[in-house]
Amino acid sequence: MTEHWLPVVGWEGIYEVSDLGRVKSVARQHPHLGGVRNVSEKILSQGRAPGSMVVVLSRPGQRFTAKVHRLVLEAFVGPCPPGYIARHWPDRDISNNALVNLEWNTQSQNMFDRRAHGTDHESRKTHCPQGHEYTAENTRWSKSGSRNCRACQRDSNRRYRIKKIIT
């Protein structure tokens, strides 16, 4: 498989990103302490940040920590549409920043993916805070995607009706 490289948006001539999710510095010369410094081509090491892999991009007077998935999508797909985020799909592996594993999508879709893959901490819970089991019959999903216990909702409605009768 051939790896394709494109310039990092906003860092053209300094860094390039590949469709396999790697970032490299471009061989170049830049002013340094009254002279010229040679910079050789080098694959950047990636670090893990919460929810993504990152690299540090720098040029004289500026350092920037960039999410690799954003660099790949911006270079190969285009700018992020308003209201969208980078989505790792289909494998949900945040360390896999290959172009075939990325797309721009909504935060809502990303949350639904987390539940479908069982990576959302809420989806691993089997009981509500009051101890009722989350079953198909006892679970209600809101429009926002949150899960609610029907037994707790019935208890709450019952207490509300009693309170209204008394007052």
Protein backbone atom coordinates (compact mmCIF):
# COMPACT_ATOMS: atom_id res chain seq x y z
CA MET A 1 0.00 0.00 0.00
CA THR A 2 1.41 3.36 -1.00
CA GLU A 3 1.48 6.12 1.60
CA HIS A 4 0.36 9.52 0.30
CA TRP A 5 1.60 12.75 1.90
CA LEU A 6 0.00 16.21 1.86
CA PRO A 7 1.06 19.45 3.59
CA VAL A 8 -0.41 20.11 7.04
CA VAL A 9 -2.94 22.93 6.64
CA GLY A 10 -1.44 26.14 8.04
CA TRP A 11 2.03 24.56 8.28
CA GLU A 12 2.81 24.15 4.58
CA GLY A 13 6.50 23.71 3.80
CA ILE A 14 7.18 22.68 7.42
CA TYR A 15 5.08 19.55 8.07
CA GLU A 16 3.25 16.91 6.04
CA VAL A 17 0.66 14.33 7.06
CA SER A 18 0.01 10.96 5.46
CA ASP A 19 -3.20 9.08 4.72
CA LEU A 20 -1.93 6.44 7.17
CA GLY A 21 -1.97 8.95 10.03
CA ARG A 22 1.73 9.76 10.29
CA VAL A 23 3.15 13.28 10.53
CA LYS A 24 6.63 14.31 9.42
CA SER A 25 8.75 17.43 9.34
CA VAL A 26 9.87 18.50 5.87
CA ALA A 27 13.59 18.88 5.16
CA ARG A 28 14.26 22.63 5.11
CA GLN A 29 16.45 25.49 6.26
CA HIS A 30 15.33 28.21 8.62
CA PRO A 31 16.98 31.21 10.30
CA HIS A 32 18.54 30.43 13.68
CA LEU A 33 20.67 32.73 15.88
CA GLY A 34 21.85 34.91 13.00
CA GLY A 35 22.61 31.92 10.78
CA VAL A 36 20.76 29.13 9.05
CA ARG A 37 19.77 25.83 10.62
CA ASN A 38 19.20 22.69 8.56
CA VAL A 39 16.20 20.61 9.59
CA SER A 40 16.08 17.06 8.25
CA GLU A 41 12.96 15.12 7.34
CA LYS A 42 11.73 13.16 10.36
CA ILE A 43 8.60 11.24 11.34
CA LEU A 44 7.22 12.87 14.48
CA SER A 45 6.51 10.77 17.55
CA GLN A 46 2.90 10.82 18.66
CA GLY A 47 1.64 11.09 22.20
CA ARG A 48 -1.67 10.05 23.68
CA ALA A 49 -3.99 12.75 24.98
CA PRO A 50 -7.52 12.13 26.30
CA GLY A 51 -9.49 10.97 23.29
CA SER A 52 -6.81 11.39 20.63
CA MET A 53 -3.24 11.04 19.45
CA VAL A 54 -1.27 14.30 19.26
CA VAL A 55 1.96 15.72 17.84
CA VAL A 56 3.79 18.93 18.69
CA LEU A 57 4.28 21.28 15.73
CA SER A 58 6.71 24.16 16.04
CA ARG A 59 8.22 27.02 14.10
CA PRO A 60 10.26 29.97 15.37
CA GLY A 61 8.29 31.56 18.20
CA GLN A 62 5.38 29.13 18.11
CA ARG A 63 4.61 25.65 19.47
CA PHE A 64 1.29 23.95 18.93
CA THR A 65 -0.09 20.57 20.06
CA ALA A 66 -2.25 19.20 17.24
CA LYS A 67 -4.64 16.25 17.13
CA VAL A 68 -3.46 13.89 14.41
CA HIS A 69 -6.96 12.92 13.27
CA ARG A 70 -7.76 16.60 12.58
CA LEU A 71 -4.54 17.05 10.60
CA VAL A 72 -5.39 14.03 8.42
CA LEU A 73 -8.98 15.10 7.78
CA GLU A 74 -8.14 18.76 7.10
CA ALA A 75 -5.41 17.79 4.61
CA PHE A 76 -7.25 15.01 2.75
CA VAL A 77 -10.97 15.87 3.15
CA GLY A 78 -11.10 19.60 3.83
CA PRO A 79 -11.98 21.94 6.68
CA CYS A 80 -14.27 20.79 9.47
CA PRO A 81 -17.89 21.76 8.73
CA PRO A 82 -19.56 23.84 11.47
CA GLY A 83 -20.95 21.65 14.25
CA TYR A 84 -18.92 18.61 13.25
CA ILE A 85 -16.03 16.74 14.89
CA ALA A 86 -13.59 14.06 13.81
CA ARG A 87 -15.10 10.58 14.05
CA HIS A 88 -13.05 7.36 14.22
CA TRP A 89 -15.10 4.89 12.24
CA PRO A 90 -15.53 1.94 11.84
CA ASP A 91 -13.08 0.60 14.45
CA ARG A 92 -13.33 3.39 17.10
CA ASP A 93 -9.57 3.01 17.76
CA ILE A 94 -8.23 6.50 18.57
CA SER A 95 -4.69 5.39 17.76
CA ASN A 96 -5.72 4.45 14.20
CA ASN A 97 -5.61 7.78 12.36
CA ALA A 98 -5.61 6.33 8.86
CA LEU A 99 -7.84 8.25 6.47
CA VAL A 100 -10.04 5.17 5.89
CA ASN A 101 -10.87 5.20 9.63
CA LEU A 102 -11.83 8.90 9.84
CA GLU A 103 -14.66 11.19 8.82
CA TRP A 104 -16.28 14.46 9.89
CA ASN A 105 -19.53 13.82 11.74
CA THR A 106 -21.67 15.19 14.56
CA GLN A 107 -21.01 14.83 18.28
CA SER A 108 -24.40 13.13 18.55
CA GLN A 109 -23.39 10.42 16.06
CA ASN A 110 -20.11 9.99 17.92
CA MET A 111 -22.02 9.40 21.19
CA PHE A 112 -24.31 6.85 19.52
CA ASP A 113 -21.20 5.06 18.21
CA ARG A 114 -19.76 4.92 21.74
CA ARG A 115 -22.92 3.25 23.00
CA ALA A 116 -23.07 0.82 20.07
CA HIS A 117 -19.47 -0.27 20.64
CA GLY A 118 -19.83 -0.44 24.43
CA THR A 119 -17.08 2.15 25.02
CA ASP A 120 -19.40 4.66 26.73
CA HIS A 121 -19.07 4.35 30.50
CA GLU A 122 -22.83 4.77 30.89
CA SER A 123 -23.63 1.84 28.58
CA ARG A 124 -21.66 -0.55 30.79
CA LYS A 125 -23.91 0.16 33.77
CA THR A 126 -26.46 -2.60 34.33
CA HIS A 127 -28.53 -0.87 37.06
CA CYS A 128 -29.75 2.66 37.77
CA PRO A 129 -28.48 4.52 40.87
CA GLN A 130 -31.54 3.25 42.84
CA GLY A 131 -30.76 -0.38 41.93
CA HIS A 132 -33.35 -1.06 39.20
CA GLU A 133 -32.03 -3.21 36.37
CA TYR A 134 -31.72 -1.63 32.93
CA THR A 135 -33.80 -3.95 30.76
CA ALA A 136 -35.54 -3.24 27.46
CA GLU A 137 -38.85 -2.85 29.33
CA ASN A 138 -37.40 -0.68 32.11
CA THR A 139 -35.28 1.65 29.98
CA ARG A 140 -36.39 4.84 28.26
CA TRP A 141 -34.09 6.72 25.87
CA SER A 142 -34.47 10.48 25.63
CA LYS A 143 -34.11 12.47 22.41
CA SER A 144 -30.65 13.54 23.55
CA GLY A 145 -29.65 9.88 23.87
CA SER A 146 -29.57 9.61 27.66
CA ARG A 147 -30.90 6.50 29.35
CA ASN A 148 -33.57 6.74 32.06
CA CYS A 149 -35.05 4.13 34.39
CA ARG A 150 -38.82 3.77 33.89
CA ALA A 151 -39.33 2.47 37.47
CA CYS A 152 -37.63 5.57 38.90
CA GLN A 153 -39.72 7.79 36.62
CA ARG A 154 -42.93 6.10 37.79
CA ASP A 155 -41.88 6.58 41.44
CA SER A 156 -41.10 10.23 40.80
CA ASN A 157 -44.46 10.81 39.07
CA ARG A 158 -46.29 9.05 41.91
CA ARG A 159 -44.58 11.26 44.54
CA TYR A 160 -45.40 14.36 42.49
CA ARG A 161 -49.11 13.42 42.22
CA ILE A 162 -49.34 12.74 45.97
CA LYS A 163 -47.64 16.06 46.73
CA LYS A 164 -50.14 17.88 44.43
CA ILE A 165 -53.12 16.21 46.19
CA ILE A 166 -51.83 17.15 49.65
CA THR A 167 -51.14 20.79 48.79
